[in-house]
Protein backbone atom coordinates (compact mmCIF):
# COMPACT_ATOMS: atom_id res chain seq x y z
CA MET A 1 -3.10 3.44 31.57
CA ARG A 2 -2.15 -0.47 31.14
CA ILE A 3 2.18 0.11 31.75
CA LYS A 4 2.08 -3.65 28.59
CA ASN A 5 0.65 -0.10 26.22
CA TYR A 6 3.29 1.92 26.65
CA ILE A 7 5.52 0.59 23.39
CA GLU A 8 8.30 3.11 23.22
CA THR A 9 9.52 7.06 24.06
CA CYS A 10 8.01 9.87 21.68
CA LYS A 11 10.66 10.90 19.16
CA ALA A 12 8.95 13.84 18.13
CA CYS A 13 8.27 15.30 22.23
CA GLY A 14 10.29 12.70 24.45
CA HIS A 15 6.88 11.51 25.87
CA VAL A 16 6.13 7.85 25.95
CA LEU A 17 4.19 7.12 22.85
CA ARG A 18 1.03 4.38 24.47
CA ILE A 19 -1.96 2.20 22.22
CA VAL A 20 -4.52 3.81 22.44
CA GLN A 21 -8.26 2.58 22.69
CA THR A 22 -11.63 5.00 21.43
CA ASP A 23 -15.03 4.04 20.25
CA SER A 24 -14.12 5.12 16.33
CA GLY A 25 -10.30 2.75 17.35
CA ARG A 26 -6.99 2.13 17.87
CA PHE A 27 -4.19 3.83 17.33
CA VAL A 28 -0.34 4.71 19.42
CA GLY A 29 -0.55 8.58 20.47
CA CYS A 30 1.68 10.26 22.40
CA THR A 31 1.06 10.48 26.62
CA GLY A 32 2.68 14.34 25.72
CA TYR A 33 -1.09 15.31 23.80
CA PRO A 34 -1.96 18.10 23.08
CA ASP A 35 1.50 20.08 23.45
CA CYS A 36 2.68 16.52 21.09
CA ARG A 37 -0.26 15.29 18.39
CA ASN A 38 2.12 12.82 17.24
CA SER A 39 0.31 9.38 16.78
CA TYR A 40 1.19 6.39 14.39
CA PRO A 41 -1.79 4.59 12.52
CA LEU A 42 -3.09 0.09 13.92
CA PRO A 43 -4.37 -2.54 12.49
CA LYS A 44 -8.02 -2.82 12.66
CA THR A 45 -8.02 -6.16 14.28
CA GLY A 46 -6.48 -8.64 15.94
CA ALA A 47 -5.09 -8.54 19.63
CA LEU A 48 -1.39 -6.66 20.02
CA THR A 49 1.71 -7.37 22.01
CA VAL A 50 4.63 -5.29 22.05
CA LEU A 51 7.96 -7.67 20.64
CA ARG A 52 9.82 -5.68 23.62
CA SER A 53 12.92 -6.96 22.21
CA LYS A 54 12.37 -6.48 18.76
CA GLU A 55 13.99 -3.59 16.57
CA CYS A 56 12.58 -2.18 13.89
CA LYS A 57 15.68 -1.56 11.19
CA LYS A 58 13.75 1.28 9.89
CA GLU A 59 13.55 3.09 13.12
CA GLY A 60 9.50 1.67 13.67
CA ALA A 61 8.57 2.92 16.94
CA ALA A 62 8.03 -0.24 17.89
CA VAL A 63 7.33 -3.80 16.79
CA LEU A 64 3.91 -4.70 17.34
CA LYS A 65 2.54 -8.86 17.19
CA VAL A 66 -0.82 -9.47 15.75
CA GLY A 67 -2.24 -12.01 17.37
CA ASN A 68 -0.71 -14.90 15.30
CA LYS A 69 -0.23 -13.62 12.48
CA TYR A 70 1.73 -11.42 11.57
CA ASN A 71 4.21 -8.56 12.67
CA TRP A 72 3.61 -4.07 12.50
CA ALA A 73 6.45 -2.00 12.91
CA VAL A 74 4.48 0.91 14.62
CA GLY A 75 5.02 3.77 11.42
CA ILE A 76 6.26 1.96 9.16
CA GLY A 77 3.49 -0.70 9.31
CA PRO A 78 3.51 -5.23 8.45
CA CYS A 79 6.64 -6.59 8.18
CA PHE A 80 4.91 -8.93 5.46
CA LYS A 81 5.35 -6.54 3.44
CA CYS A 82 8.90 -3.97 4.28
CA ASP A 83 11.70 -5.26 2.02
CA LEU A 84 13.65 -6.19 5.35
CA GLU A 85 11.51 -8.67 6.11
CA LYS A 86 14.20 -11.42 5.66
CA GLU A 87 16.75 -9.96 7.68
CA CYS A 88 14.72 -8.66 10.93
CA TYR A 89 13.47 -11.88 10.37
CA PRO A 90 15.49 -14.42 8.57
CA PRO A 91 13.37 -18.26 7.39
CA GLU A 92 14.11 -21.04 10.07
CA THR A 93 15.93 -23.06 7.43
CA VAL A 94 15.74 -26.72 6.40
CA GLY A 95 19.19 -27.66 4.84
CA PRO A 96 21.16 -26.32 1.54
CA CYS A 97 18.88 -25.96 -1.91
CA PRO A 98 19.76 -29.53 -4.71
CA GLU A 99 20.07 -26.86 -7.57
CA CYS A 100 21.78 -23.24 -6.40
CA ASP A 101 23.43 -22.97 -3.08
CA GLY A 102 20.58 -21.23 -1.63
CA SER A 103 18.91 -23.12 1.28
CA MET A 104 15.82 -24.58 1.51
CA PHE A 105 12.36 -23.17 3.97
CA LEU A 106 8.96 -24.02 4.75
CA ILE A 107 7.08 -21.51 3.00
CA THR A 108 2.84 -22.03 4.59
CA PHE A 109 0.06 -19.94 2.96
CA LYS A 110 -3.71 -20.99 4.09
CA ASP A 111 -4.29 -23.63 1.49
CA THR A 112 -0.76 -25.44 1.33
CA ARG A 113 2.52 -25.62 2.65
CA PHE A 114 6.29 -26.53 1.33
CA LEU A 115 10.10 -26.01 0.33
CA GLY A 116 11.44 -23.17 -1.41
CA CYS A 117 14.77 -21.91 -1.81
CA THR A 118 16.10 -19.11 -0.42
CA LYS A 119 17.54 -17.52 -3.29
CA ARG A 120 14.00 -18.19 -5.04
CA CYS A 121 15.50 -20.40 -7.87
CA GLY A 122 12.25 -22.00 -8.39
CA TYR A 123 13.30 -25.24 -6.95
CA THR A 124 11.00 -26.09 -4.40
CA HIS A 125 9.93 -29.59 -2.50
CA SER A 126 6.32 -31.05 -1.23
CA VAL A 127 6.20 -31.51 2.48
CA PRO A 128 2.75 -33.91 4.43
CA LYS A 129 -0.59 -31.53 3.65
CA ALA A 130 -1.87 -31.79 6.47
CA GLY A 131 -0.73 -32.71 10.40
CA LYS A 132 0.60 -30.32 13.36
CA LEU A 133 4.62 -29.84 10.91
CA THR A 134 7.14 -29.06 14.02
CA LEU A 135 10.76 -28.56 12.30
CA LEU A 136 13.70 -30.15 14.48
CA ASP A 137 17.38 -29.11 15.80
CA LYS A 138 18.82 -32.55 15.18
CA THR A 139 19.28 -34.01 11.67
CA CYS A 140 19.39 -36.74 9.03
CA GLU A 141 22.46 -38.54 8.37
CA GLY A 142 21.69 -39.53 5.34
CA CYS A 143 21.27 -35.59 3.90
CA GLY A 144 21.78 -33.54 6.61
CA TRP A 145 18.95 -32.03 6.06
CA ARG A 146 17.04 -30.69 9.22
CA MET A 147 14.13 -33.12 10.12
CA PHE A 148 10.49 -32.62 11.50
CA ARG A 149 8.10 -33.95 13.38
CA ILE A 150 4.75 -34.56 12.82
CA LYS A 151 1.42 -35.13 14.54
CA GLU A 152 -1.55 -36.22 12.62
CA GLU A 153 -5.28 -35.78 14.27
CA GLY A 154 -6.52 -38.12 16.52
CA GLU A 155 -4.75 -40.24 19.11
CA SER A 156 -2.17 -41.20 16.26
CA PRO A 157 1.48 -41.07 17.71
CA GLU A 158 4.37 -38.39 16.41
CA GLU A 159 6.99 -39.16 14.31
CA ASP A 160 10.36 -37.61 12.85
CA PHE A 161 11.48 -37.70 9.79
CA CYS A 162 13.34 -36.12 6.83
CA VAL A 163 11.68 -35.22 3.89
CA ASN A 164 13.88 -34.59 1.09
CA ARG A 165 12.61 -37.06 -1.19
CA ARG A 166 16.65 -37.88 -3.32
CA CYS A 167 17.70 -39.37 0.32
CA LYS A 168 17.42 -42.58 1.18
CA GLU A 169 15.72 -42.30 4.50
CA GLY A 170 13.54 -38.64 3.07
CA ARG A 171 12.27 -41.84 0.65
CA LYS A 172 11.37 -44.67 3.35
CA TYR A 173 8.43 -41.93 4.72
CA TRP A 174 7.38 -40.99 1.59
CA LYS A 175 7.25 -44.89 0.41
CA LYS A 176 4.56 -44.66 3.63
CA PRO A 177 0.78 -45.53 2.70
CA GLY A 178 -0.99 -41.68 3.46
CA THR A 179 2.19 -39.54 2.39
CA GLY A 180 1.47 -38.53 -1.72
CA ASN A 181 2.35 -41.47 -3.01
CA GLU A 182 -1.58 -42.30 -3.95
CA ALA A 183 -1.91 -38.68 -6.50
CA ARG A 184 1.35 -40.14 -8.12
CA ILE A 185 -0.52 -43.83 -8.34
CA LYS A 186 -3.67 -41.82 -8.90
CA LYS A 187 -2.13 -40.04 -12.39
CA THR A 188 -0.71 -43.18 -13.61
CA ALA A 189 -3.95 -45.01 -12.89
CA SER A 190 -5.54 -42.15 -15.38
CA LEU A 191 -3.14 -42.72 -17.99
CA ASN A 192 -2.28 -46.63 -18.19
CA PRO A 193 -5.53 -48.60 -16.85
CA ALA A 194 -3.75 -51.72 -17.10
CA ALA A 195 -1.08 -50.34 -14.63
CA SER A 196 -3.76 -49.19 -11.93
CA SER A 197 -5.48 -52.72 -12.00
CA ALA A 198 -1.77 -53.89 -11.30
CA ALA A 199 -0.47 -51.63 -8.58
CA ILE A 200 -3.57 -51.34 -6.40
CA PRO A 201 -5.82 -54.68 -5.35
CA VAL A 202 -9.50 -54.24 -5.57
CA THR A 203 -11.79 -56.51 -4.88
CA GLY A 204 -15.98 -57.42 -5.80
CA ARG A 205 -17.09 -54.30 -8.12
CA THR A 206 -14.77 -52.12 -8.44
CA SER A 207 -12.94 -54.74 -9.94
CA LYS A 208 -15.72 -55.53 -12.13
CA VAL A 209 -15.41 -51.52 -13.92
CA LEU A 210 -11.57 -51.94 -14.10
CA ALA A 211 -12.58 -55.31 -15.87
CA ALA A 212 -15.26 -53.91 -18.30
CA ASP A 213 -12.91 -50.62 -19.01
CA LEU A 214 -9.69 -52.61 -19.54
CA LYS A 215 -11.84 -54.35 -22.47
CA LYS A 216 -12.57 -50.86 -23.69
CA ASN A 217 -9.33 -49.72 -23.55
CA LYS A 218 -8.00 -53.01 -25.42
């Protein structure tokens, strides 16, 4: 068995625990088998990496990285289901929450991402939906929030920016085309067609359609 598959000492007998792969699956077993039958289940899929610098606060035998998705405490289960997850893995905060004494941090799901408050006060803040986001150590001179770096798909250059809409520097970023203003323009247009024709330059066939809609709504 390869050394990297040995993970920790068995608390039942003092022998070494290891990751065992069989035709029917995988699990953590004791090298003292058959005298010691201590074993723990593992997730069925995902490459496993032993995080030797991590220690489970609930005395799990070891902490494993499952693919690039989540951590697994041997003998406990997935870390994202543990009530001590935030204590073991405190989120990287962006800056103070504008509504309470909490801090804002990046929350990422499969189809969306945004900033949320560590105190769960309900305040959220939008971030760019597309592109690779990296949280930087440098802070915005205007509001003190940590800045982000975004890399759009293709050959567009990286850009460092403040995401805070309440900050003067942040508003400069959000006023740029393609950063979310289009959605607000469309919402305004649906409520007030006249405003949409003034805010959005149109030509050709589109202008004729808008003109007809304006006449109809008079």
